[in-house]
């Protein structure tokens, strides 16, 4: 792999990190640069990873039409039989997870479930624990939106336990927030508060490890982070 390929992957990684920390402007900037470099190299893996990060950033901002555009680019890459299999399995899982979130936001639960199940299937087959957590949580959220509370709780319990075992802070606070919403809808306020508080503790841990004050402020402004803080007060 040459220097330019490493550079494009570095830009992609930095862009992903900025999105996780709430600096969405820089997340878009670095991933756009990475995607452009991927196109110049005609490298589907670089293009897919950058486009998926762009889609995720727009999902955070609830700019769904923009997110859809970038997801569709990757869908065509994955669906094209001429695309190299090199790392396709990994970015395909990311696609399934993000497309599931998109369709859930659009209230198309059938499509959301289809992509969530594809994410889980591929994650199990490759021992990709982060995407298992994402798939479990997504299935829980889909069934919560359908008011299938018992089914939702089974999926979300799996998401919470898997997220804790994984130790990924983003997946931890997202899983706890979702199960808190479930308990709230199930009229179990004490369990809801405990779940929201667990999500808040995970958020505090992230914030305390961000040494840059601007990143801390941006992180607190993330829509989901703000919802967790509000729910746990």
Protein backbone atom coordinates (compact mmCIF):
# COMPACT_ATOMS: atom_id res chain seq x y z
CA UNK A 1 0.00 0.00 0.00
CA UNK A 2 1.47 3.38 -1.02
CA UNK A 3 1.71 6.62 0.94
CA UNK A 4 -1.38 8.18 -0.67
CA UNK A 5 -3.51 5.21 0.34
CA UNK A 6 -2.36 5.52 3.95
CA UNK A 7 -3.03 9.26 3.78
CA UNK A 8 -6.60 8.75 2.57
CA UNK A 9 -7.26 6.21 5.33
CA UNK A 10 -5.80 8.60 7.90
CA UNK A 11 -8.14 11.36 6.71
CA UNK A 12 -11.05 8.93 6.98
CA UNK A 13 -10.08 7.92 10.51
CA UNK A 14 -9.69 11.53 11.63
CA UNK A 15 -13.07 12.39 10.11
CA UNK A 16 -14.71 9.49 11.95
CA UNK A 17 -13.12 10.59 15.23
CA UNK A 18 -14.32 14.17 14.81
CA UNK A 19 -17.86 12.88 14.26
CA UNK A 20 -17.69 10.79 17.43
CA UNK A 21 -16.51 13.87 19.35
CA UNK A 22 -19.16 16.18 17.88
CA UNK A 23 -17.01 18.33 15.59
CA UNK A 24 -19.25 17.74 12.60
CA UNK A 25 -17.73 20.43 10.39
CA UNK A 26 -14.30 18.81 10.56
CA UNK A 27 -15.89 15.37 10.21
CA UNK A 28 -17.37 16.41 6.88
CA UNK A 29 -14.20 18.16 5.76
CA UNK A 30 -11.85 15.23 6.33
CA UNK A 31 -14.19 12.60 4.95
CA UNK A 32 -14.87 14.65 1.82
CA UNK A 33 -11.11 14.84 1.26
CA UNK A 34 -10.77 11.09 1.81
CA UNK A 35 -13.63 10.31 -0.59
CA UNK A 36 -12.07 12.51 -3.27
CA UNK A 37 -8.71 10.77 -2.89
CA UNK A 38 -10.47 7.41 -3.11
CA UNK A 39 -12.09 8.41 -6.39
CA UNK A 40 -8.79 9.54 -7.84
CA UNK A 41 -7.36 6.12 -6.96
CA UNK A 42 -10.55 4.30 -7.99
CA UNK A 43 -10.41 2.52 -4.62
CA UNK A 44 -13.88 1.28 -3.56
CA UNK A 45 -12.85 0.63 0.05
CA UNK A 46 -11.60 4.19 0.60
CA UNK A 47 -14.64 5.65 -1.16
CA UNK A 48 -17.08 3.47 0.82
CA UNK A 49 -15.59 4.21 4.23
CA UNK A 50 -15.51 7.95 3.62
CA UNK A 51 -19.03 8.03 2.13
CA UNK A 52 -20.40 6.05 5.08
CA UNK A 53 -18.81 8.47 7.53
CA UNK A 54 -20.35 11.34 5.61
CA UNK A 55 -23.74 9.61 5.77
CA UNK A 56 -23.38 9.06 9.52
CA UNK A 57 -22.51 12.71 10.05
CA UNK A 58 -25.61 13.79 8.16
CA UNK A 59 -27.70 11.28 10.13
CA UNK A 60 -26.49 12.92 13.34
CA UNK A 61 -27.60 16.27 11.91
CA UNK A 62 -30.92 14.73 10.79
CA UNK A 63 -30.21 15.81 7.22
CA UNK A 64 -31.73 12.67 5.81
CA UNK A 65 -31.76 13.48 2.10
CA UNK A 66 -28.01 14.14 2.20
CA UNK A 67 -27.41 10.99 4.24
CA UNK A 68 -29.43 8.96 1.74
CA UNK A 69 -27.32 10.21 -1.16
CA UNK A 70 -24.09 8.98 0.43
CA UNK A 71 -25.62 5.68 1.58
CA UNK A 72 -26.85 5.00 -1.94
CA UNK A 73 -23.34 5.52 -3.32
CA UNK A 74 -22.03 2.78 -1.06
CA UNK A 75 -25.01 0.53 -1.73
CA UNK A 76 -24.15 0.61 -5.43
CA UNK A 77 -20.52 -0.23 -4.64
CA UNK A 78 -21.51 -3.21 -2.47
CA UNK A 79 -24.12 -4.40 -4.96
CA UNK A 80 -21.76 -4.23 -7.94
CA UNK A 81 -20.37 -7.75 -8.66
CA UNK A 82 -17.25 -6.21 -10.17
CA UNK A 83 -16.28 -4.54 -6.88
CA UNK A 84 -13.21 -6.08 -5.27
CA UNK A 85 -13.96 -8.21 -2.22
CA UNK A 86 -11.09 -6.49 -0.39
CA UNK A 87 -12.63 -5.36 2.93
CA UNK A 88 -16.13 -5.34 1.39
CA UNK A 89 -17.42 -7.40 4.30
CA UNK A 90 -16.48 -4.64 6.75
CA UNK A 91 -17.91 -1.63 4.97
CA UNK A 92 -20.99 -3.67 3.99
CA UNK A 93 -21.79 -4.12 7.70
CA UNK A 94 -21.36 -0.40 8.24
CA UNK A 95 -23.73 0.21 5.31
CA UNK A 96 -26.37 -2.15 6.70
CA UNK A 97 -26.21 -0.51 10.13
CA UNK A 98 -26.40 3.06 8.84
CA UNK A 99 -29.07 2.28 6.26
CA UNK A 100 -31.09 0.65 9.03
CA UNK A 101 -30.85 3.83 11.09
CA UNK A 102 -31.86 5.90 8.08
CA UNK A 103 -34.98 3.83 7.38
CA UNK A 104 -35.90 3.80 11.07
CA UNK A 105 -35.73 7.61 11.10
CA UNK A 106 -37.96 7.60 8.00
CA UNK A 107 -40.37 5.22 9.82
CA UNK A 108 -40.01 2.49 7.21
CA UNK A 109 -39.69 -0.29 9.75
CA UNK A 110 -39.70 -3.12 7.20
CA UNK A 111 -36.63 -1.80 5.41
CA UNK A 112 -34.98 -0.85 8.71
CA UNK A 113 -35.39 -4.40 10.01
CA UNK A 114 -34.07 -5.91 6.80
CA UNK A 115 -30.86 -3.95 7.06
CA UNK A 116 -30.55 -4.54 10.81
CA UNK A 117 -30.82 -8.29 10.29
CA UNK A 118 -28.22 -8.17 7.52
CA UNK A 119 -25.91 -6.28 9.88
CA UNK A 120 -26.37 -8.88 12.62
CA UNK A 121 -25.88 -11.80 10.22
CA UNK A 122 -22.63 -10.43 8.83
CA UNK A 123 -21.39 -9.33 12.26
CA UNK A 124 -21.91 -12.82 13.69
CA UNK A 125 -20.14 -14.39 10.74
CA UNK A 126 -17.08 -12.16 11.17
CA UNK A 127 -17.07 -11.76 14.99
CA UNK A 128 -17.51 -7.99 14.54
CA UNK A 129 -18.73 -7.14 18.03
CA UNK A 130 -19.32 -3.42 17.48
CA UNK A 131 -21.70 -4.15 14.63
CA UNK A 132 -23.45 -6.83 16.66
CA UNK A 133 -24.17 -4.16 19.28
CA UNK A 134 -25.39 -1.79 16.56
CA UNK A 135 -27.61 -4.45 15.04
CA UNK A 136 -29.08 -5.52 18.40
CA UNK A 137 -29.78 -1.90 19.37
CA UNK A 138 -31.33 -1.14 16.01
CA UNK A 139 -33.64 -4.14 16.27
CA UNK A 140 -34.62 -2.98 19.76
CA UNK A 141 -35.35 0.53 18.53
CA UNK A 142 -37.37 -0.73 15.57
CA UNK A 143 -39.56 -2.87 17.81
CA UNK A 144 -39.87 -0.01 20.30
CA UNK A 145 -41.18 2.19 17.47
CA UNK A 146 -43.64 -0.60 16.63
CA UNK A 147 -44.74 -0.69 20.30
CA UNK A 148 -43.58 -4.31 20.57
CA UNK A 149 -42.15 -3.67 24.03
CA UNK A 150 -41.35 -7.25 25.03
CA UNK A 151 -39.47 -7.94 21.81
CA UNK A 152 -37.73 -4.59 22.07
CA UNK A 153 -36.53 -5.29 25.60
CA UNK A 154 -34.95 -8.61 24.61
CA UNK A 155 -32.97 -6.94 21.82
CA UNK A 156 -31.96 -3.95 23.93
CA UNK A 157 -30.82 -6.11 26.84
CA UNK A 158 -28.52 -7.87 24.39
CA UNK A 159 -27.32 -4.51 23.09
CA UNK A 160 -26.53 -3.22 26.58
CA UNK A 161 -24.68 -6.34 27.74
CA UNK A 162 -22.76 -6.59 24.46
CA UNK A 163 -21.85 -2.88 24.55
CA UNK A 164 -20.55 -3.19 28.10
CA UNK A 165 -18.47 -6.23 27.18
CA UNK A 166 -17.11 -4.37 24.17
CA UNK A 167 -16.31 -1.24 26.17
CA UNK A 168 -17.07 1.16 23.31
CA UNK A 169 -18.34 4.35 25.03
CA UNK A 170 -20.52 5.51 22.14
CA UNK A 171 -22.26 2.14 21.92
CA UNK A 172 -22.65 2.06 25.71
CA UNK A 173 -24.43 5.39 26.02
CA UNK A 174 -26.55 4.78 22.94
CA UNK A 175 -27.66 1.34 24.19
CA UNK A 176 -28.47 2.61 27.69
CA UNK A 177 -30.40 5.57 26.30
CA UNK A 178 -32.50 3.28 24.08
CA UNK A 179 -33.35 0.90 26.89
CA UNK A 180 -34.14 3.91 29.06
CA UNK A 181 -36.68 4.99 26.45
CA UNK A 182 -38.14 1.48 26.53
CA UNK A 183 -38.53 1.57 30.33
CA UNK A 184 -40.08 5.03 30.08
CA UNK A 185 -42.64 3.79 27.56
CA UNK A 186 -43.23 0.71 29.75
CA UNK A 187 -44.04 3.04 32.68
CA UNK A 188 -41.04 1.96 34.73
CA UNK A 189 -39.64 5.37 35.73
CA UNK A 190 -37.02 4.09 38.18
CA UNK A 191 -35.52 1.69 35.66
CA UNK A 192 -35.69 4.40 33.02
CA UNK A 193 -33.81 6.84 35.25
CA UNK A 194 -31.16 4.22 36.08
CA UNK A 195 -30.62 3.53 32.38
CA UNK A 196 -30.44 7.21 31.46
CA UNK A 197 -28.01 7.76 34.34
CA UNK A 198 -25.79 4.93 33.08
CA UNK A 199 -25.80 6.56 29.65
CA UNK A 200 -24.88 9.88 31.28
CA UNK A 201 -21.93 8.34 33.13
CA UNK A 202 -20.58 6.95 29.86
CA UNK A 203 -20.91 10.42 28.31
CA UNK A 204 -19.11 12.05 31.25
CA UNK A 205 -16.24 9.59 30.82
CA UNK A 206 -15.92 10.55 27.17
CA UNK A 207 -16.04 14.27 27.95
CA UNK A 208 -13.43 14.01 30.70
CA UNK A 209 -11.04 12.32 28.28
CA UNK A 210 -11.40 15.10 25.70
CA UNK A 211 -8.60 17.53 26.51
CA UNK A 212 -9.65 20.13 23.93
CA UNK A 213 -12.31 22.47 25.33
CA UNK A 214 -13.88 23.06 21.92
CA UNK A 215 -14.28 19.31 21.43
CA UNK A 216 -15.92 19.06 24.84
CA UNK A 217 -18.42 21.78 23.89
CA UNK A 218 -19.11 20.20 20.50
CA UNK A 219 -19.59 16.80 22.10
CA UNK A 220 -22.16 18.18 24.54
CA UNK A 221 -24.07 19.69 21.60
CA UNK A 222 -24.54 16.35 19.85
CA UNK A 223 -28.34 15.82 19.69
CA UNK A 224 -28.28 12.41 21.37
CA UNK A 225 -25.83 13.53 24.07
CA UNK A 226 -28.08 16.51 24.85
CA UNK A 227 -31.09 14.16 25.07
CA UNK A 228 -29.27 11.86 27.50
CA UNK A 229 -28.26 14.74 29.74
CA UNK A 230 -31.81 16.08 29.71
CA UNK A 231 -33.36 12.67 30.45
CA UNK A 232 -30.99 11.96 33.37
CA UNK A 233 -31.55 15.25 35.20
